[in-house]
Amino acid sequence: MVLTAKNIHKAYGPLEILKGVNLEIPNGQILSIVGKSGAGKSTLLHILGTLDWADQGEIIISDTSIKSLGSNQLAAFRNLHIGFVFQFHHLLPEFTALENVCIPGYIQRKDDQEVKARAKELLEYLGLKDRTEHKPTQLSGGEQQRVAVARALINQPDIIFADEPTGNLDSTASRDLHQLIRQLRDDYGQTFVIVTHNQELAELSDRCLEMKDGLLI
């Protein structure tokens, strides 16, 4: 299993959000998590992605127990093993598409030419060969999201977490992203965990779970 979650609890004051979530995700699976707004989907995603801590329980990613890592170790582990794609692209506006994709590789202190070559390869794979020197404001919403996907892939992570990745896209760009996720799974064996309200995206996943009353059903 690329990820195992055991008995995950999370509360904010008296409000209990997660009530003992258990989950196993095998390598190369596209998993969608659906549910009503406020059901705790994004909270769970942030905990699984190590962006937040559970009050109780354990997360194991690639045979590493997250609670065994100190803050610096966790940041390094997250950068190397985990990718993120959010509803809002979070691209740095002063940098080109190529530079935005390179950033996680530079954080790993990888060789500059190696990082740039990998970034160019990904952008070409994602249909952005001619957009590498464009800044985010010069790209469409769908193109910006593909740049964000390339950035998530640059360090060849074990798992990518996507929080409403089509929420800011029109229907055509959304369908393109759906197909891209499946293509990445087929070509690279990439594992995805996706929180979505998009029924079409959920149906294209290998597995779909609903969050209700603080649990996955």
N, C-alpha and C. Protein backbone atom coordinates (compact mmCIF):
# COMPACT_ATOMS: atom_id res chain seq x y z
N MET A 1 0.83 -1.19 0.00
CA MET A 1 0.00 0.00 0.00
C MET A 1 0.87 1.25 0.00
N VAL A 2 0.51 2.21 -0.86
CA VAL A 2 1.25 3.46 -0.85
C VAL A 2 0.84 4.32 0.34
N LEU A 3 -0.42 4.17 0.79
CA LEU A 3 -0.88 4.93 1.96
C LEU A 3 -1.82 4.09 2.80
N THR A 4 -1.63 4.16 4.10
CA THR A 4 -2.53 3.53 5.06
C THR A 4 -2.88 4.55 6.14
N ALA A 5 -4.16 4.75 6.39
CA ALA A 5 -4.63 5.63 7.46
C ALA A 5 -5.38 4.78 8.48
N LYS A 6 -5.03 4.94 9.76
CA LYS A 6 -5.61 4.13 10.81
C LYS A 6 -6.28 5.01 11.87
N ASN A 7 -7.59 4.86 12.01
CA ASN A 7 -8.34 5.46 13.11
C ASN A 7 -8.10 6.97 13.23
N ILE A 8 -8.31 7.70 12.12
CA ILE A 8 -8.02 9.13 12.09
C ILE A 8 -9.18 9.92 12.69
N HIS A 9 -8.85 10.69 13.72
CA HIS A 9 -9.82 11.57 14.39
C HIS A 9 -9.35 13.01 14.26
N LYS A 10 -10.32 13.92 14.10
CA LYS A 10 -9.99 15.35 14.08
C LYS A 10 -11.20 16.13 14.56
N ALA A 11 -10.96 17.06 15.48
CA ALA A 11 -12.03 17.92 15.99
C ALA A 11 -11.52 19.35 16.05
N TYR A 12 -12.45 20.28 15.89
CA TYR A 12 -12.17 21.69 16.09
C TYR A 12 -13.08 22.15 17.22
N GLY A 13 -12.49 22.29 18.42
CA GLY A 13 -13.30 22.57 19.59
C GLY A 13 -14.27 21.42 19.82
N PRO A 14 -15.56 21.71 20.05
CA PRO A 14 -16.53 20.64 20.30
C PRO A 14 -17.01 19.94 19.02
N LEU A 15 -16.59 20.46 17.85
CA LEU A 15 -17.08 19.93 16.58
C LEU A 15 -16.15 18.81 16.10
N GLU A 16 -16.66 17.59 16.14
CA GLU A 16 -15.88 16.43 15.70
C GLU A 16 -16.07 16.24 14.19
N ILE A 17 -14.98 16.38 13.43
CA ILE A 17 -15.03 16.32 11.97
C ILE A 17 -14.80 14.90 11.46
N LEU A 18 -13.73 14.28 11.93
CA LEU A 18 -13.38 12.91 11.53
C LEU A 18 -13.49 12.01 12.75
N LYS A 19 -14.15 10.85 12.57
CA LYS A 19 -14.54 10.04 13.72
C LYS A 19 -13.98 8.62 13.66
N GLY A 20 -12.74 8.52 13.21
CA GLY A 20 -12.12 7.21 13.16
C GLY A 20 -12.04 6.66 11.74
N VAL A 21 -11.43 7.45 10.85
CA VAL A 21 -11.33 7.06 9.44
C VAL A 21 -10.22 6.05 9.24
N ASN A 22 -10.53 4.98 8.51
CA ASN A 22 -9.54 3.98 8.12
C ASN A 22 -9.52 3.89 6.60
N LEU A 23 -8.33 3.79 6.02
CA LEU A 23 -8.23 3.82 4.57
C LEU A 23 -6.92 3.18 4.13
N GLU A 24 -6.98 2.37 3.07
CA GLU A 24 -5.79 1.84 2.43
C GLU A 24 -5.86 2.16 0.94
N ILE A 25 -4.75 2.63 0.40
CA ILE A 25 -4.71 3.01 -1.01
C ILE A 25 -3.54 2.28 -1.67
N PRO A 26 -3.81 1.39 -2.61
CA PRO A 26 -2.73 0.69 -3.31
C PRO A 26 -2.07 1.59 -4.35
N ASN A 27 -0.87 1.24 -4.72
CA ASN A 27 -0.13 2.00 -5.73
C ASN A 27 -0.87 1.97 -7.07
N GLY A 28 -0.92 3.14 -7.73
CA GLY A 28 -1.50 3.21 -9.06
C GLY A 28 -3.01 3.32 -9.10
N GLN A 29 -3.64 3.62 -7.97
CA GLN A 29 -5.09 3.75 -7.93
C GLN A 29 -5.51 5.22 -7.97
N ILE A 30 -6.62 5.49 -8.68
CA ILE A 30 -7.26 6.81 -8.63
C ILE A 30 -8.45 6.68 -7.68
N LEU A 31 -8.37 7.34 -6.55
CA LEU A 31 -9.43 7.30 -5.54
C LEU A 31 -10.09 8.67 -5.46
N SER A 32 -11.41 8.70 -5.58
CA SER A 32 -12.15 9.94 -5.37
C SER A 32 -12.92 9.88 -4.06
N ILE A 33 -12.97 11.01 -3.38
CA ILE A 33 -13.74 11.14 -2.15
C ILE A 33 -14.79 12.22 -2.38
N VAL A 34 -16.05 11.85 -2.23
CA VAL A 34 -17.16 12.76 -2.46
C VAL A 34 -17.95 12.93 -1.17
N GLY A 35 -18.89 13.87 -1.18
CA GLY A 35 -19.72 14.11 -0.01
C GLY A 35 -20.17 15.55 0.02
N LYS A 36 -21.12 15.83 0.89
CA LYS A 36 -21.66 17.18 1.00
C LYS A 36 -20.60 18.14 1.54
N SER A 37 -20.79 19.41 1.24
CA SER A 37 -19.92 20.44 1.80
C SER A 37 -19.98 20.39 3.32
N GLY A 38 -18.80 20.49 3.93
CA GLY A 38 -18.72 20.43 5.38
C GLY A 38 -18.63 19.04 5.94
N ALA A 39 -18.56 18.03 5.07
CA ALA A 39 -18.51 16.64 5.54
C ALA A 39 -17.13 16.26 6.07
N GLY A 40 -16.11 17.07 5.79
CA GLY A 40 -14.77 16.77 6.28
C GLY A 40 -13.82 16.26 5.21
N LYS A 41 -14.21 16.34 3.94
CA LYS A 41 -13.38 15.80 2.86
C LYS A 41 -12.02 16.50 2.79
N SER A 42 -12.04 17.82 2.77
CA SER A 42 -10.79 18.56 2.65
C SER A 42 -9.95 18.41 3.91
N THR A 43 -10.59 18.35 5.06
CA THR A 43 -9.86 18.11 6.30
C THR A 43 -9.11 16.79 6.23
N LEU A 44 -9.79 15.75 5.76
CA LEU A 44 -9.14 14.45 5.62
C LEU A 44 -8.00 14.52 4.62
N LEU A 45 -8.23 15.18 3.48
CA LEU A 45 -7.19 15.28 2.47
C LEU A 45 -5.94 15.96 3.02
N HIS A 46 -6.13 17.03 3.78
CA HIS A 46 -4.99 17.76 4.33
C HIS A 46 -4.25 16.91 5.36
N ILE A 47 -4.95 16.10 6.10
CA ILE A 47 -4.29 15.22 7.06
C ILE A 47 -3.55 14.10 6.34
N LEU A 48 -4.19 13.49 5.34
CA LEU A 48 -3.52 12.44 4.57
C LEU A 48 -2.28 12.99 3.87
N GLY A 49 -2.36 14.25 3.41
CA GLY A 49 -1.24 14.87 2.72
C GLY A 49 -0.21 15.50 3.62
N THR A 50 -0.36 15.33 4.93
CA THR A 50 0.57 15.81 5.96
C THR A 50 0.59 17.33 6.09
N LEU A 51 -0.45 18.01 5.59
CA LEU A 51 -0.54 19.46 5.75
C LEU A 51 -1.19 19.83 7.08
N ASP A 52 -1.80 18.86 7.74
CA ASP A 52 -2.44 19.07 9.04
C ASP A 52 -2.25 17.79 9.85
N TRP A 53 -2.41 17.91 11.15
CA TRP A 53 -2.23 16.76 12.04
C TRP A 53 -3.56 16.23 12.52
N ALA A 54 -3.66 14.93 12.62
CA ALA A 54 -4.83 14.31 13.25
C ALA A 54 -4.69 14.42 14.77
N ASP A 55 -5.82 14.46 15.44
CA ASP A 55 -5.80 14.43 16.91
C ASP A 55 -5.46 13.03 17.42
N GLN A 56 -5.79 12.05 16.60
CA GLN A 56 -5.56 10.65 16.98
C GLN A 56 -5.45 9.83 15.70
N GLY A 57 -4.64 8.77 15.75
CA GLY A 57 -4.51 7.89 14.60
C GLY A 57 -3.13 7.97 13.97
N GLU A 58 -2.95 7.23 12.90
CA GLU A 58 -1.63 7.13 12.26
C GLU A 58 -1.77 7.15 10.74
N ILE A 59 -0.84 7.85 10.09
CA ILE A 59 -0.74 7.89 8.64
C ILE A 59 0.59 7.25 8.25
N ILE A 60 0.55 6.28 7.36
CA ILE A 60 1.76 5.64 6.86
C ILE A 60 1.79 5.84 5.35
N ILE A 61 2.85 6.46 4.85
CA ILE A 61 3.02 6.68 3.42
C ILE A 61 4.35 6.08 2.99
N SER A 62 4.29 5.19 2.02
CA SER A 62 5.51 4.53 1.51
C SER A 62 6.33 3.95 2.65
N ASP A 63 5.65 3.23 3.55
CA ASP A 63 6.26 2.51 4.67
C ASP A 63 6.85 3.43 5.73
N THR A 64 6.54 4.71 5.68
CA THR A 64 7.03 5.65 6.68
C THR A 64 5.86 6.17 7.52
N SER A 65 5.95 6.01 8.83
CA SER A 65 4.94 6.55 9.73
C SER A 65 5.18 8.04 9.89
N ILE A 66 4.20 8.84 9.52
CA ILE A 66 4.37 10.29 9.51
C ILE A 66 4.65 10.84 10.90
N LYS A 67 4.06 10.24 11.92
CA LYS A 67 4.25 10.78 13.27
C LYS A 67 5.66 10.55 13.80
N SER A 68 6.45 9.75 13.08
CA SER A 68 7.84 9.52 13.51
C SER A 68 8.78 10.61 13.02
N LEU A 69 8.28 11.53 12.18
CA LEU A 69 9.12 12.55 11.56
C LEU A 69 9.05 13.87 12.31
N GLY A 70 10.19 14.52 12.47
CA GLY A 70 10.22 15.88 12.98
C GLY A 70 9.77 16.84 11.91
N SER A 71 9.63 18.11 12.25
CA SER A 71 9.07 19.09 11.31
C SER A 71 9.93 19.24 10.06
N ASN A 72 11.25 19.31 10.21
CA ASN A 72 12.13 19.44 9.04
C ASN A 72 12.12 18.16 8.21
N GLN A 73 12.14 17.02 8.89
CA GLN A 73 12.07 15.74 8.18
C GLN A 73 10.76 15.61 7.42
N LEU A 74 9.68 16.05 8.04
CA LEU A 74 8.36 15.96 7.40
C LEU A 74 8.30 16.84 6.16
N ALA A 75 8.85 18.05 6.24
CA ALA A 75 8.84 18.94 5.08
C ALA A 75 9.62 18.33 3.93
N ALA A 76 10.77 17.73 4.23
CA ALA A 76 11.58 17.08 3.20
C ALA A 76 10.86 15.87 2.63
N PHE A 77 10.22 15.09 3.49
CA PHE A 77 9.48 13.90 3.06
C PHE A 77 8.32 14.30 2.15
N ARG A 78 7.59 15.33 2.55
CA ARG A 78 6.44 15.80 1.77
C ARG A 78 6.88 16.25 0.38
N ASN A 79 7.96 17.00 0.32
CA ASN A 79 8.44 17.51 -0.96
C ASN A 79 8.86 16.39 -1.91
N LEU A 80 9.40 15.32 -1.36
CA LEU A 80 9.93 14.24 -2.19
C LEU A 80 8.86 13.20 -2.56
N HIS A 81 7.94 12.93 -1.65
CA HIS A 81 7.03 11.79 -1.82
C HIS A 81 5.59 12.18 -2.17
N ILE A 82 5.22 13.46 -2.00
CA ILE A 82 3.82 13.87 -2.13
C ILE A 82 3.72 15.04 -3.10
N GLY A 83 2.70 14.99 -3.97
CA GLY A 83 2.38 16.11 -4.84
C GLY A 83 1.00 16.64 -4.53
N PHE A 84 0.77 17.92 -4.82
CA PHE A 84 -0.53 18.54 -4.54
C PHE A 84 -1.02 19.31 -5.75
N VAL A 85 -2.33 19.19 -6.00
CA VAL A 85 -3.01 20.00 -7.01
C VAL A 85 -4.27 20.54 -6.35
N PHE A 86 -4.42 21.87 -6.34
CA PHE A 86 -5.55 22.48 -5.66
C PHE A 86 -6.49 23.14 -6.66
N GLN A 87 -7.66 23.54 -6.18
CA GLN A 87 -8.63 24.23 -7.03
C GLN A 87 -8.02 25.51 -7.61
N PHE A 88 -7.34 26.26 -6.78
CA PHE A 88 -6.63 27.46 -7.22
C PHE A 88 -5.17 27.07 -7.43
N HIS A 89 -4.62 27.44 -8.54
CA HIS A 89 -3.38 26.83 -9.01
C HIS A 89 -2.18 27.14 -8.14
N HIS A 90 -2.21 28.29 -7.45
CA HIS A 90 -1.10 28.69 -6.58
C HIS A 90 0.22 28.76 -7.34
N LEU A 91 0.16 29.18 -8.61
CA LEU A 91 1.39 29.42 -9.36
C LEU A 91 1.93 30.80 -8.98
N LEU A 92 3.25 30.92 -8.94
CA LEU A 92 3.85 32.20 -8.61
C LEU A 92 3.83 33.09 -9.85
N PRO A 93 3.15 34.24 -9.79
CA PRO A 93 2.88 35.03 -10.99
C PRO A 93 4.12 35.62 -11.64
N GLU A 94 5.19 35.80 -10.86
CA GLU A 94 6.39 36.43 -11.43
C GLU A 94 7.28 35.43 -12.18
N PHE A 95 6.94 34.14 -12.08
CA PHE A 95 7.75 33.10 -12.70
C PHE A 95 7.05 32.51 -13.93
N THR A 96 7.83 32.00 -14.86
CA THR A 96 7.28 31.34 -16.04
C THR A 96 6.73 29.97 -15.66
N ALA A 97 6.03 29.36 -16.61
CA ALA A 97 5.52 28.01 -16.39
C ALA A 97 6.66 27.06 -16.04
N LEU A 98 7.76 27.14 -16.80
CA LEU A 98 8.91 26.27 -16.54
C LEU A 98 9.46 26.50 -15.15
N GLU A 99 9.62 27.74 -14.75
CA GLU A 99 10.18 28.05 -13.43
C GLU A 99 9.26 27.57 -12.32
N ASN A 100 7.94 27.73 -12.49
CA ASN A 100 7.00 27.24 -11.48
C ASN A 100 7.12 25.74 -11.29
N VAL A 101 7.26 25.01 -12.40
CA VAL A 101 7.36 23.55 -12.32
C VAL A 101 8.66 23.13 -11.63
N CYS A 102 9.72 23.89 -11.84
CA CYS A 102 11.04 23.54 -11.30
C CYS A 102 11.15 23.69 -9.78
N ILE A 103 10.32 24.52 -9.18
CA ILE A 103 10.52 24.91 -7.78
C ILE A 103 10.67 23.72 -6.83
N PRO A 104 9.78 22.70 -6.84
CA PRO A 104 9.98 21.58 -5.90
C PRO A 104 11.31 20.85 -6.12
N GLY A 105 11.78 20.78 -7.37
CA GLY A 105 13.07 20.15 -7.64
C GLY A 105 14.22 20.95 -7.05
N TYR A 106 14.11 22.27 -7.13
CA TYR A 106 15.15 23.11 -6.54
C TYR A 106 15.16 23.00 -5.02
N ILE A 107 13.98 22.86 -4.43
CA ILE A 107 13.91 22.68 -2.97
C ILE A 107 14.66 21.42 -2.56
N GLN A 108 14.62 20.39 -3.42
CA GLN A 108 15.36 19.16 -3.16
C GLN A 108 16.86 19.29 -3.46
N ARG A 109 17.27 20.48 -3.91
CA ARG A 109 18.68 20.75 -4.24
C ARG A 109 19.20 19.83 -5.34
N LYS A 110 18.32 19.50 -6.27
CA LYS A 110 18.73 18.69 -7.41
C LYS A 110 19.47 19.56 -8.42
N ASP A 111 20.21 18.92 -9.30
CA ASP A 111 20.98 19.62 -10.31
C ASP A 111 20.06 20.47 -11.19
N ASP A 112 20.47 21.71 -11.44
CA ASP A 112 19.65 22.66 -12.19
C ASP A 112 19.27 22.14 -13.56
N GLN A 113 20.22 21.63 -14.30
CA GLN A 113 19.94 21.14 -15.65
C GLN A 113 19.04 19.92 -15.63
N GLU A 114 19.24 19.07 -14.64
CA GLU A 114 18.39 17.87 -14.49
C GLU A 114 16.94 18.28 -14.21
N VAL A 115 16.76 19.25 -13.33
CA VAL A 115 15.41 19.72 -12.99
C VAL A 115 14.74 20.35 -14.20
N LYS A 116 15.46 21.20 -14.92
CA LYS A 116 14.88 21.85 -16.09
C LYS A 116 14.52 20.85 -17.18
N ALA A 117 15.37 19.85 -17.37
CA ALA A 117 15.09 18.83 -18.38
C ALA A 117 13.83 18.05 -18.03
N ARG A 118 13.69 17.70 -16.75
CA ARG A 118 12.50 16.97 -16.29
C ARG A 118 11.26 17.85 -16.45
N ALA A 119 11.37 19.13 -16.10
CA ALA A 119 10.23 20.05 -16.20
C ALA A 119 9.79 20.21 -17.66
N LYS A 120 10.75 20.36 -18.57
CA LYS A 120 10.42 20.50 -19.98
C LYS A 120 9.75 19.23 -20.51
N GLU A 121 10.25 18.09 -20.08
CA GLU A 121 9.66 16.81 -20.49
C GLU A 121 8.21 16.71 -20.04
N LEU A 122 7.95 17.11 -18.80
CA LEU A 122 6.58 17.05 -18.28
C LEU A 122 5.67 18.03 -19.00
N LEU A 123 6.14 19.24 -19.21
CA LEU A 123 5.31 20.24 -19.88
C LEU A 123 5.00 19.82 -21.31
N GLU A 124 5.96 19.20 -21.97
CA GLU A 124 5.69 18.69 -23.31
C GLU A 124 4.68 17.56 -23.27
N TYR A 125 4.84 16.66 -22.30
CA TYR A 125 3.90 15.55 -22.13
C TYR A 125 2.48 16.07 -21.90
N LEU A 126 2.37 17.18 -21.19
CA LEU A 126 1.07 17.75 -20.86
C LEU A 126 0.55 18.71 -21.92
N GLY A 127 1.23 18.76 -23.06
CA GLY A 127 0.75 19.58 -24.16
C GLY A 127 1.09 21.05 -24.04
N LEU A 128 2.14 21.37 -23.29
CA LEU A 128 2.50 22.77 -23.05
C LEU A 128 3.90 23.10 -23.55
N LYS A 129 4.36 22.39 -24.54
CA LYS A 129 5.73 22.58 -25.06
C LYS A 129 5.97 24.02 -25.47
N ASP A 130 4.96 24.66 -26.05
CA ASP A 130 5.13 26.02 -26.56
C ASP A 130 4.73 27.09 -25.53
N ARG A 131 4.49 26.67 -24.29
CA ARG A 131 4.04 27.63 -23.27
C ARG A 131 5.02 27.73 -22.10
N THR A 132 6.20 27.13 -22.24
CA THR A 132 7.12 27.03 -21.10
C THR A 132 7.57 28.40 -20.59
N GLU A 133 7.70 29.39 -21.49
CA GLU A 133 8.21 30.70 -21.07
C GLU A 133 7.09 31.69 -20.79
N HIS A 134 5.84 31.22 -20.80
CA HIS A 134 4.72 32.09 -20.50
C HIS A 134 4.50 32.16 -18.99
N LYS A 135 4.11 33.32 -18.52
CA LYS A 135 3.77 33.49 -17.11
C LYS A 135 2.29 33.13 -16.91
N PRO A 136 1.88 32.84 -15.67
CA PRO A 136 0.51 32.37 -15.42
C PRO A 136 -0.58 33.25 -16.03
N THR A 137 -0.40 34.57 -16.01
CA THR A 137 -1.43 35.45 -16.55
C THR A 137 -1.57 35.32 -18.06
N GLN A 138 -0.60 34.71 -18.71
CA GLN A 138 -0.64 34.50 -20.16
C GLN A 138 -1.20 33.13 -20.53
N LEU A 139 -1.62 32.37 -19.54
CA LEU A 139 -2.13 31.02 -19.75
C LEU A 139 -3.62 30.95 -19.43
N SER A 140 -4.33 30.05 -20.10
CA SER A 140 -5.74 29.82 -19.76
C SER A 140 -5.84 29.08 -18.43
N GLY A 141 -7.05 29.00 -17.90
CA GLY A 141 -7.24 28.28 -16.65
C GLY A 141 -6.82 26.81 -16.75
N GLY A 142 -7.18 26.17 -17.87
CA GLY A 142 -6.80 24.78 -18.06
C GLY A 142 -5.30 24.61 -18.18
N GLU A 143 -4.63 25.55 -18.85
CA GLU A 143 -3.18 25.49 -18.98
C GLU A 143 -2.51 25.70 -17.62
N GLN A 144 -3.02 26.63 -16.85
CA GLN A 144 -2.46 26.85 -15.51
C GLN A 144 -2.58 25.59 -14.65
N GLN A 145 -3.73 24.91 -14.77
CA GLN A 145 -3.90 23.70 -13.96
C GLN A 145 -2.95 22.59 -14.41
N ARG A 146 -2.68 22.52 -15.72
CA ARG A 146 -1.72 21.52 -16.19
C ARG A 146 -0.29 21.85 -15.72
N VAL A 147 0.03 23.13 -15.65
CA VAL A 147 1.32 23.52 -15.07
C VAL A 147 1.39 23.07 -13.61
N ALA A 148 0.28 23.25 -12.88
CA ALA A 148 0.24 22.80 -11.49
C ALA A 148 0.41 21.29 -11.39
N VAL A 149 -0.17 20.55 -12.33
CA VAL A 149 0.01 19.10 -12.35
C VAL A 149 1.47 18.75 -12.61
N ALA A 150 2.11 19.43 -13.56
CA ALA A 150 3.52 19.19 -13.84
C ALA A 150 4.37 19.47 -12.60
N ARG A 151 4.06 20.55 -11.90
CA ARG A 151 4.79 20.88 -10.67
C ARG A 151 4.62 19.77 -9.63
N ALA A 152 3.41 19.21 -9.54
CA ALA A 152 3.17 18.12 -8.59
C ALA A 152 3.95 16.87 -8.95
N LEU A 153 4.26 16.70 -10.24
CA LEU A 153 4.93 15.49 -10.72
C LEU A 153 6.44 15.59 -10.74
N ILE A 154 7.00 16.78 -10.59
CA ILE A 154 8.41 17.01 -10.88
C ILE A 154 9.34 16.10 -10.07
N ASN A 155 9.00 15.82 -8.82
CA ASN A 155 9.86 14.98 -7.98
C ASN A 155 9.44 13.51 -7.99
N GLN A 156 8.61 13.14 -8.97
CA GLN A 156 8.13 11.76 -9.10
C GLN A 156 7.56 11.23 -7.77
N PRO A 157 6.52 11.91 -7.26
CA PRO A 157 5.99 11.55 -5.94
C PRO A 157 5.29 10.19 -5.95
N ASP A 158 5.16 9.62 -4.77
CA ASP A 158 4.45 8.35 -4.64
C ASP A 158 2.94 8.55 -4.77
N ILE A 159 2.46 9.73 -4.38
CA ILE A 159 1.02 9.96 -4.37
C ILE A 159 0.75 11.45 -4.60
N ILE A 160 -0.33 11.74 -5.33
CA ILE A 160 -0.75 13.13 -5.55
C ILE A 160 -2.13 13.32 -4.95
N PHE A 161 -2.28 14.38 -4.16
CA PHE A 161 -3.56 14.76 -3.57
C PHE A 161 -4.12 15.95 -4.34
N ALA A 162 -5.37 15.84 -4.75
CA ALA A 162 -6.01 16.90 -5.53
C ALA A 162 -7.30 17.31 -4.83
N ASP A 163 -7.39 18.60 -4.50
CA ASP A 163 -8.57 19.14 -3.79
C ASP A 163 -9.38 19.97 -4.77
N GLU A 164 -10.52 19.44 -5.22
CA GLU A 164 -11.39 20.09 -6.20
C GLU A 164 -10.59 20.61 -7.41
N PRO A 165 -9.84 19.73 -8.08
CA PRO A 165 -8.94 20.20 -9.15
C PRO A 165 -9.65 20.79 -10.35
N THR A 166 -10.94 20.47 -10.54
CA THR A 166 -11.68 21.03 -11.68
C THR A 166 -12.63 22.15 -11.24
N GLY A 167 -12.59 22.53 -9.98
CA GLY A 167 -13.56 23.49 -9.45
C GLY A 167 -13.51 24.85 -10.10
N ASN A 168 -12.36 25.21 -10.68
CA ASN A 168 -12.20 26.53 -11.28
C ASN A 168 -12.13 26.47 -12.80
N LEU A 169 -12.46 25.30 -13.38
CA LEU A 169 -12.31 25.11 -14.82
C LEU A 169 -13.66 25.01 -15.52
N ASP A 170 -13.69 25.38 -16.80
CA ASP A 170 -14.90 25.17 -17.58
C ASP A 170 -15.03 23.70 -17.94
N SER A 171 -16.15 23.34 -18.57
CA SER A 171 -16.44 21.92 -18.79
C SER A 171 -15.40 21.25 -19.71
N THR A 172 -14.93 21.96 -20.72
CA THR A 172 -13.94 21.39 -21.64
C THR A 172 -12.61 21.15 -20.93
N ALA A 173 -12.13 22.14 -20.19
CA ALA A 173 -10.87 21.99 -19.46
C ALA A 173 -11.00 20.92 -18.38
N SER A 174 -12.19 20.80 -17.77
CA SER A 174 -12.41 19.77 -16.76
C SER A 174 -12.28 18.38 -17.37
N ARG A 175 -12.93 18.17 -18.53
CA ARG A 175 -12.83 16.86 -19.19
C ARG A 175 -11.39 16.54 -19.59
N ASP A 176 -10.67 17.56 -20.05
CA ASP A 176 -9.27 17.35 -20.40
C ASP A 176 -8.46 16.90 -19.19
N LEU A 177 -8.72 17.53 -18.03
CA LEU A 177 -7.99 17.16 -16.83
C LEU A 177 -8.36 15.75 -16.38
N HIS A 178 -9.63 15.38 -16.51
CA HIS A 178 -10.06 14.02 -16.16
C HIS A 178 -9.26 13.00 -16.96
N GLN A 179 -9.18 13.21 -18.27
CA GLN A 179 -8.45 12.29 -19.12
C GLN A 179 -6.96 12.29 -18.80
N LEU A 180 -6.44 13.45 -18.46
CA LEU A 180 -5.02 13.55 -18.12
C LEU A 180 -4.70 12.72 -16.87
N ILE A 181 -5.55 12.78 -15.88
CA ILE A 181 -5.32 12.01 -14.65
C ILE A 181 -5.27 10.52 -14.96
N ARG A 182 -6.19 10.05 -15.78
CA ARG A 182 -6.18 8.62 -16.15
C ARG A 182 -4.94 8.29 -16.97
N GLN A 183 -4.54 9.20 -17.85
CA GLN A 183 -3.35 8.97 -18.66
C GLN A 183 -2.10 8.87 -17.79
N LEU A 184 -2.01 9.73 -16.77
CA LEU A 184 -0.87 9.69 -15.86
C LEU A 184 -0.85 8.39 -15.06
N ARG A 185 -2.01 7.92 -14.69
CA ARG A 185 -2.09 6.63 -14.00
C ARG A 185 -1.63 5.51 -14.93
N ASP A 186 -2.10 5.53 -16.19
CA ASP A 186 -1.77 4.47 -17.12
C ASP A 186 -0.30 4.51 -17.54
N ASP A 187 0.24 5.71 -17.80
CA ASP A 187 1.60 5.84 -18.31
C ASP A 187 2.67 5.76 -17.22
N TYR A 188 2.37 6.31 -16.04
CA TYR A 188 3.37 6.41 -14.98
C TYR A 188 3.03 5.60 -13.73
N GLY A 189 1.84 4.99 -13.70
CA GLY A 189 1.42 4.29 -12.49
C GLY A 189 1.18 5.23 -11.33
N GLN A 190 0.80 6.48 -11.65
CA GLN A 190 0.66 7.50 -10.61
C GLN A 190 -0.59 7.27 -9.77
N THR A 191 -0.45 7.40 -8.47
CA THR A 191 -1.56 7.28 -7.53
C THR A 191 -2.16 8.66 -7.26
N PHE A 192 -3.50 8.73 -7.26
CA PHE A 192 -4.20 9.99 -7.00
C PHE A 192 -5.25 9.80 -5.92
N VAL A 193 -5.37 10.79 -5.05
CA VAL A 193 -6.50 10.90 -4.13
C VAL A 193 -7.16 12.25 -4.42
N ILE A 194 -8.43 12.22 -4.82
CA ILE A 194 -9.10 13.41 -5.32
C ILE A 194 -10.36 13.69 -4.51
N VAL A 195 -10.44 14.87 -3.92
CA VAL A 195 -11.68 15.35 -3.32
C VAL A 195 -12.41 16.15 -4.39
N THR A 196 -13.67 15.79 -4.66
CA THR A 196 -14.36 16.45 -5.77
C THR A 196 -15.87 16.46 -5.57
N HIS A 197 -16.50 17.49 -6.13
CA HIS A 197 -17.95 17.52 -6.29
C HIS A 197 -18.34 17.15 -7.72
N ASN A 198 -17.34 16.94 -8.57
CA ASN A 198 -17.57 16.67 -9.98
C ASN A 198 -17.90 15.18 -10.17
N GLN A 199 -19.16 14.89 -10.47
CA GLN A 199 -19.60 13.50 -10.56
C GLN A 199 -18.90 12.76 -11.70
N GLU A 200 -18.64 13.47 -12.80
CA GLU A 200 -17.97 12.83 -13.93
C GLU A 200 -16.56 12.38 -13.55
N LEU A 201 -15.84 13.23 -12.84
CA LEU A 201 -14.50 12.88 -12.38
C LEU A 201 -14.55 11.71 -11.41
N ALA A 202 -15.51 11.74 -10.50
CA ALA A 202 -15.64 10.64 -9.54
C ALA A 202 -15.90 9.31 -10.25
N GLU A 203 -16.74 9.35 -11.28
CA GLU A 203 -17.08 8.12 -11.99
C GLU A 203 -15.91 7.57 -12.81
N LEU A 204 -14.96 8.44 -13.19
CA LEU A 204 -13.79 7.99 -13.93
C LEU A 204 -12.72 7.38 -13.03
N SER A 205 -12.89 7.51 -11.72
CA SER A 205 -11.91 6.99 -10.78
C SER A 205 -12.03 5.48 -10.67
N ASP A 206 -10.96 4.86 -10.16
CA ASP A 206 -10.98 3.42 -9.92
C ASP A 206 -11.86 3.08 -8.73
N ARG A 207 -11.90 3.99 -7.77
CA ARG A 207 -12.69 3.76 -6.56
C ARG A 207 -13.23 5.08 -6.07
N CYS A 208 -14.45 5.09 -5.61
CA CYS A 208 -15.08 6.30 -5.11
C CYS A 208 -15.68 6.02 -3.73
N LEU A 209 -15.31 6.84 -2.76
CA LEU A 209 -15.82 6.71 -1.40
C LEU A 209 -16.56 7.99 -1.02
N GLU A 210 -17.61 7.84 -0.25
CA GLU A 210 -18.37 8.99 0.21
C GLU A 210 -18.05 9.27 1.67
N MET A 211 -17.84 10.54 1.99
CA MET A 211 -17.64 10.93 3.38
C MET A 211 -18.98 11.37 3.96
N LYS A 212 -19.37 10.74 5.04
CA LYS A 212 -20.64 11.04 5.70
C LYS A 212 -20.49 10.82 7.19
N ASP A 213 -20.92 11.81 7.96
CA ASP A 213 -20.89 11.72 9.44
C ASP A 213 -19.51 11.40 9.95
N GLY A 214 -18.47 11.99 9.32
CA GLY A 214 -17.11 11.83 9.82
C GLY A 214 -16.43 10.53 9.45
N LEU A 215 -17.05 9.75 8.58
CA LEU A 215 -16.48 8.46 8.18
C LEU A 215 -16.57 8.29 6.67
N LEU A 216 -15.72 7.42 6.15
CA LEU A 216 -15.81 7.05 4.72
C LEU A 216 -16.70 5.85 4.58
N ILE A 217 -17.66 5.93 3.64
CA ILE A 217 -18.58 4.81 3.43
C ILE A 217 -18.58 4.40 1.97
